[in-house]
Protein backbone atom coordinates (compact mmCIF):
# COMPACT_ATOMS: atom_id res chain seq x y z
CA MET A 1 -22.03 -6.43 -19.96
CA HIS A 2 -23.76 -3.61 -18.14
CA PHE A 3 -22.58 -2.27 -14.80
CA SER A 4 -24.71 -0.27 -12.42
CA ALA A 5 -23.55 3.04 -10.98
CA GLY A 6 -22.62 1.31 -7.70
CA ASP A 7 -20.58 -1.33 -9.53
CA LEU A 8 -18.68 1.34 -11.46
CA ALA A 9 -18.02 3.32 -8.29
CA LEU A 10 -16.57 0.21 -6.64
CA ILE A 11 -14.45 -0.68 -9.67
CA TYR A 12 -13.09 2.86 -10.01
CA SER A 13 -12.39 3.06 -6.28
CA LEU A 14 -10.41 -0.18 -6.34
CA LEU A 15 -8.48 0.83 -9.45
CA GLY A 16 -7.76 4.26 -8.00
CA GLY A 17 -6.59 2.75 -4.73
CA TRP A 18 -4.26 0.40 -6.55
CA LEU A 19 -2.92 3.21 -8.72
CA VAL A 20 -2.20 5.35 -5.66
CA SER A 21 -0.57 2.44 -3.82
CA PHE A 22 1.59 1.70 -6.90
CA VAL A 23 2.89 5.27 -6.85
CA LEU A 24 3.40 5.15 -3.08
CA ALA A 25 5.38 1.89 -3.42
CA PHE A 26 8.07 4.01 -5.11
CA LEU A 27 7.61 7.13 -3.00
CA ASN A 28 7.59 5.60 0.48
CA PRO A 29 11.19 4.26 0.39
CA CYS A 30 12.40 7.72 -0.62
CA LEU A 31 10.44 9.25 2.23
CA ILE A 32 11.80 6.66 4.69
CA CYS A 33 15.38 7.47 3.66
CA SER A 34 14.81 11.21 3.99
CA LEU A 35 13.43 10.97 7.53
CA ASN A 36 15.75 11.82 10.40
CA ILE A 37 15.06 8.64 12.38
CA SER A 38 17.20 5.88 13.87
CA GLY A 39 18.45 2.97 11.82
CA ARG A 40 16.24 0.59 13.77
CA SER A 41 13.16 2.66 12.97
CA GLN A 42 14.15 2.88 9.30
CA PHE A 43 14.56 -0.90 9.21
CA THR A 44 11.08 -1.31 10.70
CA HIS A 45 9.56 1.02 8.12
CA PHE A 46 11.34 -0.82 5.29
CA LEU A 47 10.00 -4.08 6.69
CA VAL A 48 6.46 -2.67 6.68
CA TRP A 49 7.04 -1.44 3.11
CA ALA A 50 8.29 -4.90 2.07
CA ILE A 51 5.16 -6.53 3.50
CA TYR A 52 2.70 -4.57 1.37
CA VAL A 53 4.89 -4.56 -1.73
CA GLY A 54 5.40 -8.32 -1.37
CA SER A 55 1.68 -8.88 -0.85
CA GLY A 56 0.87 -6.85 -3.95
CA LEU A 57 3.43 -8.73 -6.03
CA ALA A 58 2.18 -12.09 -4.76
CA LEU A 59 -1.34 -11.13 -5.71
CA PHE A 60 -0.40 -9.98 -9.22
CA LEU A 61 1.96 -12.89 -9.89
CA GLY A 62 -0.69 -15.43 -8.98
CA GLY A 63 0.65 -16.48 -5.59
CA LEU A 64 -2.87 -17.08 -4.29
CA ASN A 65 -4.06 -18.96 -7.42
CA GLY A 66 -7.68 -18.06 -6.74
CA LYS A 67 -8.22 -21.27 -4.74
CA SER A 68 -9.89 -19.57 -1.81
CA GLU A 69 -11.47 -16.32 -0.77
CA ALA A 70 -8.11 -15.19 0.67
CA TRP A 71 -7.55 -12.97 -2.39
CA ALA A 72 -10.03 -10.42 -1.01
CA ILE A 73 -7.73 -9.49 1.88
CA PRO A 74 -4.80 -8.27 -0.27
CA VAL A 75 -7.08 -6.73 -2.90
CA LEU A 76 -8.60 -4.44 -0.29
CA GLY A 77 -5.79 -4.43 2.27
CA VAL A 78 -2.72 -3.57 0.21
CA PRO A 79 -3.94 -0.13 -0.96
CA ILE A 80 -5.21 0.70 2.54
CA PHE A 81 -1.91 -0.43 4.07
CA ALA A 82 0.22 1.55 1.59
CA ILE A 83 -1.80 4.74 1.98
CA SER A 84 -1.86 4.40 5.78
CA HIS A 85 1.91 3.91 5.86
CA PHE A 86 2.38 7.03 3.74
CA ILE A 87 0.20 9.03 6.13
CA ALA A 88 2.19 7.69 9.09
CA LEU A 89 5.47 8.66 7.41
CA LEU A 90 4.18 12.17 6.73
CA TRP A 91 3.08 12.43 10.37
CA ILE A 92 6.56 11.38 11.56
CA ARG A 93 8.15 13.88 9.19
CA ARG A 94 5.95 16.65 10.54
CA GLU A 95 6.68 15.70 14.15
CA ARG A 96 10.44 15.67 13.48
CA SER A 97 10.42 19.03 11.71
CA ASP A 98 8.89 20.90 14.67
């Protein structure tokens, strides 16, 4: 099987995004706990974290079963969601440290 340069770029981008989001799935809870924010805000951030971790687990454990095109949303959305949440947490940390 031969892949074009565009196909390889897409494959490597998706794999890299999933690798980064896997690492952030372990890093984000630590960052949430270290932030000096209210308990309600921490709960909200843990809920957001649980949504993308749960979506990733459902995708990998076959929760969608490939019956529809709905698999494309978590494949692309979970890494974007995890990275965006990490950026938001860093922004909150920076705002609180000033």
